[in-house]
Amino acid sequence: MTDTRNPEYDAIVVGSGPNGLAAAITLQESGLSVLLIEGKETIGGGMRTAELTLPGYRHDICSAVHPMALMSPFFERLPLADFGLEFVQPTHDAAHPLDGGRVAVLDRSVESTARQLGADGDTYRRWMGGLLESVTKLLPDLLGPLQWPAEPFRLAGFGLQALLPATWAAGKFKTAEGRALWAGMAAHSIQPLSNIATSAFGIVLMAAAHIKGWVIPVGGSQCIADALAAYYQSLGGKIQTGWMVGSVNELPSAKAILMDVTPKQLVRIAGERLSSSYKRRLETYRQGPGIFKVDWALDEPIPFQREECRAAGTVHLGNTLEEIVRYERNVGNGKRGEKPFALVAQQSLFDKTRAPEGKHTAWAYCHVPNGDDRDMTDALESQIERYAPGFRDVIKAKHITNASAFEQYNPNYIGGDINGGIQDVWQLYSRPVLSISPYRTSAKGIYICSSSTPPGGGVHGMCGYHAARQALKDVFKVELKKA
């Protein structure tokens, strides 16, 4: 057993994804001695960048474009620019082409986005214009555990729209462009768009574009992890890499242990410390669909027919709302589709460090049933060719990552699920179990701080931040101001 009477550390954090790093920083900022342990040789979790195809071509392994990075109340207060982190803003945050040459564009400006939506322009101006203030003021509540909000009436008004299935909310749009743009945003929920609360994902992502932008880290997503780690170490924090923890019993002694892991990994690593009832509740936790991803080294940029797509950091490929709804419904039901909704990232258009001079990289993924390893390369490339004829001719090399490969890369990505469990209405705030404090486990001094806790997946660090605050309050009796 760990001796907590004379511990070697005040706290240990297992896992160095954005939430593990956020937890470690929050604890270290309070003057504690903290050890951060990472199983891989490099820190970062989903924030890693590597030469996956050819020398000189730097590809983001998981996260690529970051709508929530500048929106995060936790990241916002950190001096990460002092530690080398720089973001670049794409010309267009996102573009969504349709068959026949039409295109919808998400821009920094509500007015610019609305102007390009034709008959839906006035609807978008009124709707999103009214939501921006609410999202900004409610962000601490939206990015935290379920609790009494600072502005309950504002939250109730927001909730009436956010809780709608995205298929219902689509009824406000009359044009194919408006409906398709909305569907692509809501599909980031990685679940059928007919599910309750899928509108929340679309609203927050669109608002993020207008408030801060869908930014790209210069040098790759690894640079976010490196800056967070450098800041943490500047405070005196310790990091140990290359240690894949198999049991909490092998850890140095500490007063608190925070686990940046999924419920499945938590049971495996700390199961003997957890109560049988808590473990049974964890075993009912549901995973979401997986993803299939391809990275390409390119001779030139993707030759999209529309200029708006050639100037967008992210391109959504799925044609109409109806086509996207059909594909995501099939995935949610464990079925395979032939025309996937594809999310394409074009980092090298805006960050010249990603490829040799004159060359480019691209990144795309689609959703698949959890654990489904069918090769979707041809389907993804066909979707790109649909709007960028000649795409295959500019490919120099490619790297494929299926659902199983994602889980091998990171044990938290069970079956290729990069969100730490499905984020439907039943698990949005009751992850990993319904509890007054979802970050506490049944074992004293052991906390879970991963994306399997509120507010869920995304590079924002808020799960780790809130878990660390819970540990500070419980274990270290620190008086905390309201988050």
Protein backbone atom coordinates (compact mmCIF):
# COMPACT_ATOMS: atom_id res chain seq x y z
CA MET A 1 0.00 0.00 0.00
CA THR A 2 1.07 3.58 -0.65
CA ASP A 3 2.31 5.35 2.49
CA THR A 4 0.52 8.71 2.51
CA ARG A 5 1.93 9.70 5.92
CA ASN A 6 5.32 10.59 4.42
CA PRO A 7 4.60 10.77 0.71
CA GLU A 8 7.26 11.25 -1.94
CA TYR A 9 4.91 13.62 -3.78
CA ASP A 10 1.82 15.55 -2.86
CA ALA A 11 0.14 14.43 -6.07
CA ILE A 12 0.76 12.17 -9.05
CA VAL A 13 -0.95 12.60 -12.41
CA VAL A 14 -1.03 9.61 -14.77
CA GLY A 15 -1.33 10.58 -18.44
CA SER A 16 -0.10 13.72 -20.22
CA GLY A 17 -2.93 14.58 -22.58
CA PRO A 18 -4.40 18.09 -22.34
CA ASN A 19 -6.33 17.12 -19.21
CA GLY A 20 -3.42 15.44 -17.47
CA LEU A 21 -1.25 18.46 -18.14
CA ALA A 22 -4.00 20.81 -16.96
CA ALA A 23 -4.41 18.84 -13.75
CA ALA A 24 -0.66 18.80 -13.10
CA ILE A 25 -0.36 22.55 -13.73
CA THR A 26 -3.33 23.39 -11.49
CA LEU A 27 -1.88 21.35 -8.61
CA GLN A 28 1.65 22.67 -9.12
CA GLU A 29 0.40 26.27 -9.19
CA SER A 30 -0.95 25.66 -5.68
CA GLY A 31 2.55 24.99 -4.41
CA LEU A 32 2.33 21.21 -4.29
CA SER A 33 5.00 18.74 -5.40
CA VAL A 34 3.62 16.98 -8.47
CA LEU A 35 4.85 14.12 -10.66
CA LEU A 36 3.36 13.72 -14.14
CA ILE A 37 3.78 10.23 -15.64
CA GLU A 38 3.41 9.45 -19.36
CA GLY A 39 3.46 5.97 -20.88
CA LYS A 40 4.96 7.07 -24.20
CA GLU A 41 8.41 8.56 -24.69
CA THR A 42 6.84 11.90 -25.66
CA ILE A 43 4.15 13.79 -23.79
CA GLY A 44 0.88 15.00 -25.28
CA GLY A 45 -1.72 12.26 -25.63
CA GLY A 46 -3.74 13.39 -28.65
CA MET A 47 -1.52 16.48 -29.02
CA ARG A 48 1.38 14.92 -30.85
CA THR A 49 3.01 15.65 -34.20
CA ALA A 50 5.29 13.29 -36.12
CA GLU A 51 6.77 12.57 -39.55
CA LEU A 52 4.27 9.85 -40.37
CA THR A 53 4.81 9.74 -44.14
CA LEU A 54 8.11 11.18 -45.39
CA PRO A 55 10.99 13.11 -43.80
CA GLY A 56 10.11 16.79 -43.42
CA TYR A 57 6.34 16.24 -43.50
CA ARG A 58 4.94 16.87 -40.02
CA HIS A 59 1.52 15.38 -39.34
CA ASP A 60 -0.77 15.84 -36.34
CA ILE A 61 -1.50 12.35 -35.02
CA CYS A 62 -4.89 13.19 -33.52
CA SER A 63 -5.96 16.78 -32.77
CA ALA A 64 -5.17 19.26 -35.54
CA VAL A 65 -7.38 22.35 -35.66
CA HIS A 66 -8.38 23.74 -32.26
CA PRO A 67 -11.72 25.59 -31.97
CA MET A 68 -11.64 25.37 -28.17
CA ALA A 69 -7.98 26.19 -27.50
CA LEU A 70 -8.44 29.96 -27.28
CA MET A 71 -11.94 29.57 -25.79
CA SER A 72 -10.72 27.53 -22.83
CA PRO A 73 -10.87 29.55 -19.58
CA PHE A 74 -7.95 27.43 -18.34
CA PHE A 75 -5.65 27.88 -21.35
CA GLU A 76 -6.59 31.56 -21.64
CA ARG A 77 -4.94 32.49 -18.35
CA LEU A 78 -1.65 30.64 -18.99
CA PRO A 79 1.43 32.44 -20.42
CA LEU A 80 1.88 29.80 -23.12
CA ALA A 81 3.18 32.29 -25.69
CA ASP A 82 6.15 32.81 -23.37
CA PHE A 83 6.92 29.13 -23.82
CA GLY A 84 6.90 29.16 -27.60
CA LEU A 85 3.24 28.52 -28.44
CA GLU A 86 1.96 30.41 -31.47
CA PHE A 87 -1.34 30.02 -33.29
CA VAL A 88 -2.21 30.97 -36.86
CA GLN A 89 -5.71 31.84 -38.08
CA PRO A 90 -6.88 30.30 -41.40
CA THR A 91 -8.46 32.59 -43.99
CA HIS A 92 -11.74 30.70 -43.54
CA ASP A 93 -12.40 28.64 -40.43
CA ALA A 94 -14.31 25.98 -42.36
CA ALA A 95 -15.81 25.38 -45.79
CA HIS A 96 -18.46 22.92 -46.90
CA PRO A 97 -18.77 22.27 -50.65
CA LEU A 98 -21.85 20.71 -52.22
CA ASP A 99 -22.37 18.97 -55.53
CA GLY A 100 -22.96 21.40 -58.37
CA GLY A 101 -20.32 23.91 -57.29
CA ARG A 102 -22.09 25.48 -54.32
CA VAL A 103 -20.27 26.09 -51.04
CA ALA A 104 -21.01 27.26 -47.49
CA VAL A 105 -18.33 29.00 -45.44
CA LEU A 106 -17.84 29.54 -41.71
CA ASP A 107 -15.88 32.77 -41.21
CA ARG A 108 -14.67 34.72 -38.19
CA SER A 109 -17.43 37.24 -38.84
CA VAL A 110 -21.11 36.41 -38.37
CA GLU A 111 -21.88 38.92 -41.13
CA SER A 112 -19.47 37.31 -43.62
CA THR A 113 -20.85 33.84 -42.86
CA ALA A 114 -24.44 35.04 -43.19
CA ARG A 115 -23.78 36.95 -46.40
CA GLN A 116 -22.69 33.74 -48.12
CA LEU A 117 -25.80 31.81 -47.02
CA GLY A 118 -28.17 33.63 -49.35
CA ALA A 119 -31.79 33.22 -48.24
CA ASP A 120 -30.59 31.89 -44.87
CA GLY A 121 -28.45 34.95 -44.18
CA ASP A 122 -30.94 36.88 -42.07
CA THR A 123 -31.82 33.74 -40.11
CA TYR A 124 -28.17 33.11 -39.33
CA ARG A 125 -27.54 36.73 -38.31
CA ARG A 126 -30.41 36.74 -35.84
CA TRP A 127 -29.85 33.24 -34.50
CA MET A 128 -26.08 33.17 -34.09
CA GLY A 129 -25.86 36.84 -33.23
CA GLY A 130 -28.16 36.22 -30.31
CA LEU A 131 -26.25 33.14 -29.17
CA LEU A 132 -22.74 34.62 -29.13
CA GLU A 133 -23.19 36.59 -25.94
CA SER A 134 -24.79 33.59 -24.22
CA VAL A 135 -21.98 31.22 -25.20
CA THR A 136 -19.34 33.70 -24.05
CA LYS A 137 -20.96 34.32 -20.67
CA LEU A 138 -21.94 30.69 -20.10
CA LEU A 139 -18.60 29.17 -21.11
CA PRO A 140 -17.44 28.39 -17.53
CA ASP A 141 -20.72 26.53 -16.96
CA LEU A 142 -20.68 24.77 -20.33
CA LEU A 143 -17.08 23.65 -19.80
CA GLY A 144 -17.51 22.26 -16.31
CA PRO A 145 -19.49 19.80 -14.19
CA LEU A 146 -23.22 20.11 -13.74
CA GLN A 147 -23.82 22.74 -11.07
CA TRP A 148 -26.04 25.71 -10.29
CA PRO A 149 -25.16 28.28 -12.98
CA ALA A 150 -24.28 31.92 -12.41
CA GLU A 151 -26.99 32.92 -14.90
CA PRO A 152 -29.73 30.28 -14.70
CA PHE A 153 -32.20 32.07 -16.97
CA ARG A 154 -29.60 32.64 -19.67
CA LEU A 155 -28.57 28.97 -19.41
CA ALA A 156 -32.19 27.87 -19.68
CA GLY A 157 -32.61 29.91 -22.85
CA PHE A 158 -29.45 28.46 -24.33
CA GLY A 159 -30.48 24.95 -23.30
CA LEU A 160 -33.78 25.16 -25.16
CA GLN A 161 -31.79 25.40 -28.38
CA ALA A 162 -28.76 23.30 -27.45
CA LEU A 163 -30.83 20.29 -26.36
CA LEU A 164 -32.58 20.00 -29.72
CA PRO A 165 -31.57 17.17 -32.03
CA ALA A 166 -29.54 18.71 -34.84
CA THR A 167 -32.04 17.33 -37.36
CA TRP A 168 -34.79 19.39 -35.70
CA ALA A 169 -32.71 22.55 -35.49
CA ALA A 170 -31.89 22.21 -39.19
CA GLY A 171 -35.48 23.20 -39.89
CA LYS A 172 -34.58 26.86 -39.37
CA PHE A 173 -32.49 26.76 -42.57
CA LYS A 174 -34.11 26.81 -46.01
CA THR A 175 -31.10 26.51 -48.31
CA ALA A 176 -29.02 23.40 -48.96
CA GLU A 177 -25.93 25.44 -48.06
CA GLY A 178 -27.27 26.49 -44.66
CA ARG A 179 -28.50 23.00 -43.82
CA ALA A 180 -25.23 21.38 -44.91
CA LEU A 181 -23.06 23.83 -42.95
CA TRP A 182 -25.12 23.16 -39.84
CA ALA A 183 -24.98 19.37 -40.32
CA GLY A 184 -21.20 19.40 -40.64
CA MET A 185 -20.84 21.34 -37.40
CA ALA A 186 -23.23 19.12 -35.46
CA ALA A 187 -21.56 15.97 -36.82
CA HIS A 188 -18.53 16.78 -34.64
CA SER A 189 -20.64 15.22 -31.88
CA ILE A 190 -19.71 11.81 -33.38
CA GLN A 191 -23.21 10.38 -32.99
CA PRO A 192 -26.47 10.30 -34.96
CA LEU A 193 -27.69 13.84 -35.58
CA SER A 194 -31.17 12.82 -34.48
CA ASN A 195 -29.87 12.42 -30.91
CA ILE A 196 -30.95 14.92 -28.26
CA ALA A 197 -28.38 17.69 -27.58
CA THR A 198 -26.43 17.29 -30.82
CA SER A 199 -27.30 20.94 -31.51
CA ALA A 200 -25.06 21.93 -28.60
CA PHE A 201 -21.97 20.81 -30.50
CA GLY A 202 -22.87 22.74 -33.63
CA ILE A 203 -23.74 25.91 -31.72
CA VAL A 204 -20.56 25.95 -29.66
CA LEU A 205 -18.30 25.22 -32.66
CA MET A 206 -19.88 27.95 -34.76
CA ALA A 207 -19.68 30.39 -31.85
CA ALA A 208 -16.03 29.47 -31.30
CA ALA A 209 -15.24 30.47 -34.88
CA HIS A 210 -16.84 33.88 -34.40
CA ILE A 211 -15.36 34.52 -30.96
CA LYS A 212 -11.76 33.26 -31.23
CA GLY A 213 -11.41 31.29 -34.46
CA TRP A 214 -10.52 27.72 -35.34
CA VAL A 215 -6.80 28.18 -34.86
CA ILE A 216 -3.85 26.01 -35.86
CA PRO A 217 -0.73 25.72 -33.68
CA VAL A 218 2.44 26.64 -35.57
CA GLY A 219 4.69 23.58 -35.67
CA GLY A 220 1.92 21.12 -34.87
CA SER A 221 -0.29 20.10 -31.98
CA GLN A 222 2.79 18.79 -30.18
CA CYS A 223 3.68 22.45 -29.59
CA ILE A 224 0.63 22.87 -27.34
CA ALA A 225 1.76 19.93 -25.21
CA ASP A 226 5.37 21.18 -25.16
CA ALA A 227 4.33 24.68 -24.05
CA LEU A 228 2.08 23.31 -21.29
CA ALA A 229 4.87 21.01 -20.10
CA ALA A 230 7.46 23.80 -20.17
CA TYR A 231 5.21 26.05 -18.09
CA TYR A 232 4.54 23.20 -15.64
CA GLN A 233 8.26 22.48 -15.28
CA SER A 234 8.99 26.19 -14.79
CA LEU A 235 6.84 25.92 -11.66
CA GLY A 236 8.93 23.01 -10.39
CA GLY A 237 6.80 20.15 -11.72
CA LYS A 238 8.40 16.80 -12.57
CA ILE A 239 7.73 14.66 -15.67
CA GLN A 240 8.60 11.01 -16.24
CA THR A 241 7.99 9.51 -19.68
CA GLY A 242 8.17 5.92 -20.88
CA TRP A 243 6.29 4.51 -17.91
CA MET A 244 3.05 2.75 -18.83
CA VAL A 245 1.45 2.41 -15.41
CA GLY A 246 -0.09 -1.01 -14.84
CA SER A 247 -1.25 -0.54 -11.26
CA VAL A 248 -1.50 2.29 -8.76
CA ASN A 249 0.52 0.06 -6.43
CA GLU A 250 3.66 0.65 -8.49
CA LEU A 251 3.45 4.43 -8.10
CA PRO A 252 5.52 6.43 -5.62
CA SER A 253 3.63 7.43 -2.49
CA ALA A 254 1.35 10.45 -2.80
CA LYS A 255 -1.61 12.05 -1.07
CA ALA A 256 -3.61 12.26 -4.32
CA ILE A 257 -3.54 10.38 -7.63
CA LEU A 258 -5.26 11.81 -10.69
CA MET A 259 -5.86 9.50 -13.62
CA ASP A 260 -6.12 10.87 -17.16
CA VAL A 261 -7.69 7.59 -18.32
CA THR A 262 -11.03 6.12 -19.38
CA PRO A 263 -13.24 4.11 -17.00
CA LYS A 264 -11.93 0.87 -18.50
CA GLN A 265 -8.32 1.86 -17.81
CA LEU A 266 -9.26 3.14 -14.35
CA VAL A 267 -10.64 -0.28 -13.39
CA ARG A 268 -7.56 -2.00 -14.80
CA ILE A 269 -5.08 0.25 -12.98
CA ALA A 270 -6.90 1.03 -9.72
CA GLY A 271 -9.60 -1.65 -9.57
CA GLU A 272 -8.51 -3.20 -6.29
CA ARG A 273 -8.89 0.19 -4.57
CA LEU A 274 -12.38 0.83 -5.97
CA SER A 275 -15.64 -0.34 -4.43
CA SER A 276 -17.53 -3.10 -6.21
CA SER A 277 -20.58 -0.86 -6.69
CA TYR A 278 -18.50 1.91 -8.26
CA LYS A 279 -16.80 -0.57 -10.59
CA ARG A 280 -20.19 -1.93 -11.68
CA ARG A 281 -21.28 1.59 -12.56
CA LEU A 282 -18.09 2.19 -14.51
CA GLU A 283 -18.67 -1.02 -16.45
CA THR A 284 -21.93 0.38 -17.84
CA TYR A 285 -20.07 3.34 -19.38
CA ARG A 286 -20.61 3.45 -23.14
CA GLN A 287 -18.01 4.11 -25.80
CA GLY A 288 -18.78 6.07 -28.94
CA PRO A 289 -17.94 5.40 -32.59
CA GLY A 290 -14.33 5.18 -33.68
CA ILE A 291 -12.48 7.04 -36.39
CA PHE A 292 -10.45 6.11 -39.46
CA LYS A 293 -7.78 8.61 -40.45
CA VAL A 294 -5.39 9.17 -43.35
CA ASP A 295 -2.42 11.57 -43.46
CA TRP A 296 -1.05 12.58 -46.85
CA ALA A 297 2.22 14.09 -48.02
CA LEU A 298 1.34 16.16 -51.10
CA ASP A 299 3.18 17.69 -54.05
CA GLU A 300 0.80 20.64 -53.91
CA PRO A 301 -2.33 21.74 -52.04
CA ILE A 302 -5.55 19.77 -52.46
CA PRO A 303 -6.96 21.05 -55.80
CA PHE A 304 -10.44 21.96 -54.56
CA GLN A 305 -12.64 23.46 -57.26
CA ARG A 306 -13.86 26.25 -55.00
CA GLU A 307 -11.43 28.93 -53.84
CA GLU A 308 -13.16 29.04 -50.46
CA CYS A 309 -12.14 25.42 -49.84
CA ARG A 310 -8.57 26.14 -50.93
CA ALA A 311 -8.40 28.85 -48.24
CA ALA A 312 -10.05 26.97 -45.36
CA GLY A 313 -8.27 25.36 -42.43
CA THR A 314 -11.01 22.73 -42.21
CA VAL A 315 -13.19 21.36 -45.00
CA HIS A 316 -16.29 19.28 -44.29
CA LEU A 317 -17.13 16.81 -47.05
CA GLY A 318 -20.51 15.14 -46.96
CA ASN A 319 -22.66 17.08 -49.42
CA THR A 320 -26.19 17.66 -48.08
CA LEU A 321 -27.62 17.45 -44.59
CA GLU A 322 -29.57 14.36 -45.66
CA GLU A 323 -26.42 12.56 -46.82
CA ILE A 324 -24.56 13.38 -43.61
CA VAL A 325 -27.51 12.37 -41.41
CA ARG A 326 -27.77 9.04 -43.22
CA TYR A 327 -24.06 8.25 -42.84
CA GLU A 328 -23.85 9.19 -39.16
CA ARG A 329 -27.05 7.24 -38.41
CA ASN A 330 -25.53 4.13 -39.99
CA VAL A 331 -22.33 4.53 -37.97
CA GLY A 332 -24.31 5.00 -34.78
CA ASN A 333 -26.19 1.77 -35.54
CA GLY A 334 -22.94 -0.11 -36.11
CA LYS A 335 -23.32 -0.19 -39.90
CA ARG A 336 -20.94 0.80 -42.65
CA GLY A 337 -21.53 3.53 -45.19
CA GLU A 338 -19.97 4.13 -48.61
CA LYS A 339 -19.93 7.95 -48.71
CA PRO A 340 -18.48 9.06 -45.37
CA PHE A 341 -18.78 12.46 -43.80
CA ALA A 342 -15.11 13.47 -43.97
CA LEU A 343 -13.30 16.11 -41.91
CA VAL A 344 -10.28 17.45 -43.79
CA ALA A 345 -7.55 19.62 -42.24
CA GLN A 346 -5.09 21.65 -44.35
CA GLN A 347 -2.55 22.86 -41.81
CA SER A 348 0.32 23.43 -44.23
CA LEU A 349 -1.63 26.10 -46.13
CA PHE A 350 -1.17 28.36 -43.11
CA ASP A 351 1.84 26.86 -41.33
CA LYS A 352 4.90 26.48 -43.55
CA THR A 353 6.74 24.42 -40.92
CA ARG A 354 4.60 21.38 -41.77
CA ALA A 355 6.24 20.40 -45.07
CA PRO A 356 9.31 21.06 -47.25
CA GLU A 357 9.17 24.26 -49.28
CA GLY A 358 6.51 24.10 -51.97
CA LYS A 359 5.05 20.85 -50.60
CA HIS A 360 2.04 20.25 -48.37
CA THR A 361 0.34 17.94 -45.89
CA ALA A 362 -3.32 17.08 -45.43
CA TRP A 363 -5.23 15.09 -42.85
CA ALA A 364 -8.71 13.58 -42.98
CA TYR A 365 -10.85 11.24 -40.96
CA CYS A 366 -14.32 9.79 -40.91
CA HIS A 367 -16.39 8.14 -38.22
CA VAL A 368 -16.73 4.35 -38.16
CA PRO A 369 -18.49 1.89 -35.84
CA ASN A 370 -16.48 1.32 -32.67
CA GLY A 371 -13.65 -1.12 -33.37
CA ASP A 372 -14.43 -1.34 -37.11
CA ASP A 373 -11.10 -1.71 -38.96
CA ARG A 374 -12.37 -1.67 -42.52
CA ASP A 375 -10.02 0.30 -44.78
CA MET A 376 -11.78 3.58 -45.61
CA THR A 377 -8.88 5.09 -47.55
CA ASP A 378 -10.53 4.79 -50.95
CA ALA A 379 -13.83 6.14 -49.59
CA LEU A 380 -12.09 9.17 -48.04
CA GLU A 381 -10.05 9.88 -51.17
CA SER A 382 -13.16 9.52 -53.33
CA GLN A 383 -14.97 12.11 -51.21
CA ILE A 384 -12.06 14.51 -51.69
CA GLU A 385 -11.90 13.78 -55.44
CA ARG A 386 -15.61 14.56 -55.60
CA TYR A 387 -14.81 18.22 -54.88
CA ALA A 388 -11.13 18.27 -55.87
CA PRO A 389 -10.64 16.34 -59.12
CA GLY A 390 -7.02 15.26 -59.50
CA PHE A 391 -6.38 14.94 -55.78
CA ARG A 392 -4.91 11.46 -56.10
CA ASP A 393 -2.39 12.78 -58.63
CA VAL A 394 -0.74 15.06 -56.05
CA ILE A 395 -0.29 12.39 -53.36
CA LYS A 396 3.35 11.53 -52.63
CA ALA A 397 2.77 9.23 -49.65
CA LYS A 398 0.10 8.35 -47.12
CA HIS A 399 -0.22 6.97 -43.59
CA ILE A 400 -3.33 5.10 -42.43
CA THR A 401 -4.66 4.81 -38.87
CA ASN A 402 -7.68 2.59 -38.28
CA ALA A 403 -9.71 2.21 -35.09
CA SER A 404 -7.49 -0.52 -33.62
CA ALA A 405 -4.33 1.43 -34.44
CA PHE A 406 -5.71 4.42 -32.54
CA GLU A 407 -6.28 2.26 -29.48
CA GLN A 408 -2.75 0.85 -29.78
CA TYR A 409 -1.43 4.40 -30.00
CA ASN A 410 -3.42 5.47 -26.95
CA PRO A 411 -5.22 2.89 -24.72
CA ASN A 412 -7.79 5.57 -23.90
CA TYR A 413 -9.01 5.52 -27.53
CA ILE A 414 -11.05 2.35 -27.04
CA GLY A 415 -12.20 1.03 -30.41
CA GLY A 416 -10.99 4.26 -31.99
CA ASP A 417 -13.21 6.43 -29.75
CA ILE A 418 -11.21 9.68 -29.40
CA ASN A 419 -13.78 11.36 -27.11
CA GLY A 420 -13.39 9.07 -24.11
CA GLY A 421 -16.95 7.77 -24.45
CA ILE A 422 -20.04 8.83 -26.35
CA GLN A 423 -21.15 12.37 -25.48
CA ASP A 424 -24.88 11.89 -25.85
CA VAL A 425 -27.37 13.50 -23.49
CA TRP A 426 -27.13 10.53 -21.10
CA GLN A 427 -23.35 10.85 -20.75
CA LEU A 428 -22.76 14.54 -21.36
CA TYR A 429 -22.66 15.47 -17.66
CA SER A 430 -23.01 12.05 -16.02
CA ARG A 431 -19.62 10.87 -17.21
CA PRO A 432 -18.19 8.53 -16.00
CA VAL A 433 -21.04 8.05 -13.47
CA LEU A 434 -23.86 10.25 -12.22
CA SER A 435 -22.36 11.94 -9.18
CA ILE A 436 -22.24 15.23 -7.29
CA SER A 437 -18.54 15.20 -8.17
CA PRO A 438 -17.81 13.11 -11.27
CA TYR A 439 -14.05 13.49 -10.70
CA ARG A 440 -14.00 11.63 -7.38
CA THR A 441 -13.79 7.84 -7.43
CA SER A 442 -14.88 5.55 -4.62
CA ALA A 443 -11.26 5.35 -3.43
CA LYS A 444 -10.08 8.14 -1.17
CA GLY A 445 -7.41 10.25 -2.85
CA ILE A 446 -7.93 8.80 -6.36
CA TYR A 447 -9.54 10.99 -9.03
CA ILE A 448 -10.33 10.64 -12.72
CA CYS A 449 -9.46 13.67 -14.83
CA SER A 450 -9.83 12.52 -18.44
CA SER A 451 -12.28 13.40 -21.22
CA SER A 452 -14.49 10.69 -19.67
CA THR A 453 -15.49 13.43 -17.20
CA PRO A 454 -17.31 16.73 -17.88
CA PRO A 455 -17.12 18.60 -20.15
CA GLY A 456 -15.83 15.77 -22.36
CA GLY A 457 -13.55 15.58 -25.37
CA GLY A 458 -11.59 18.44 -26.91
CA VAL A 459 -8.31 20.25 -26.37
CA HIS A 460 -9.34 22.60 -23.59
CA GLY A 461 -7.92 21.04 -20.41
CA MET A 462 -11.08 21.73 -18.42
CA CYS A 463 -11.63 18.14 -17.28
CA GLY A 464 -8.18 18.08 -15.68
CA TYR A 465 -8.59 21.57 -14.26
CA HIS A 466 -11.85 20.73 -12.50
CA ALA A 467 -10.56 17.37 -11.24
CA ALA A 468 -7.48 19.05 -9.78
CA ARG A 469 -9.63 21.65 -8.04
CA GLN A 470 -11.69 18.85 -6.51
CA ALA A 471 -8.52 17.20 -5.20
CA LEU A 472 -7.25 20.53 -3.85
CA LYS A 473 -10.48 20.98 -1.94
CA ASP A 474 -10.81 17.39 -0.66
CA VAL A 475 -7.25 16.38 0.08
CA PHE A 476 -5.32 19.59 0.56
CA LYS A 477 -8.12 21.71 2.07
CA VAL A 478 -7.40 24.62 -0.25
CA GLU A 479 -10.00 27.38 -0.25
CA LEU A 480 -10.98 27.89 -3.86
CA LYS A 481 -12.62 30.77 -5.65
CA LYS A 482 -15.51 29.93 -7.97
CA ALA A 483 -14.14 28.56 -11.24
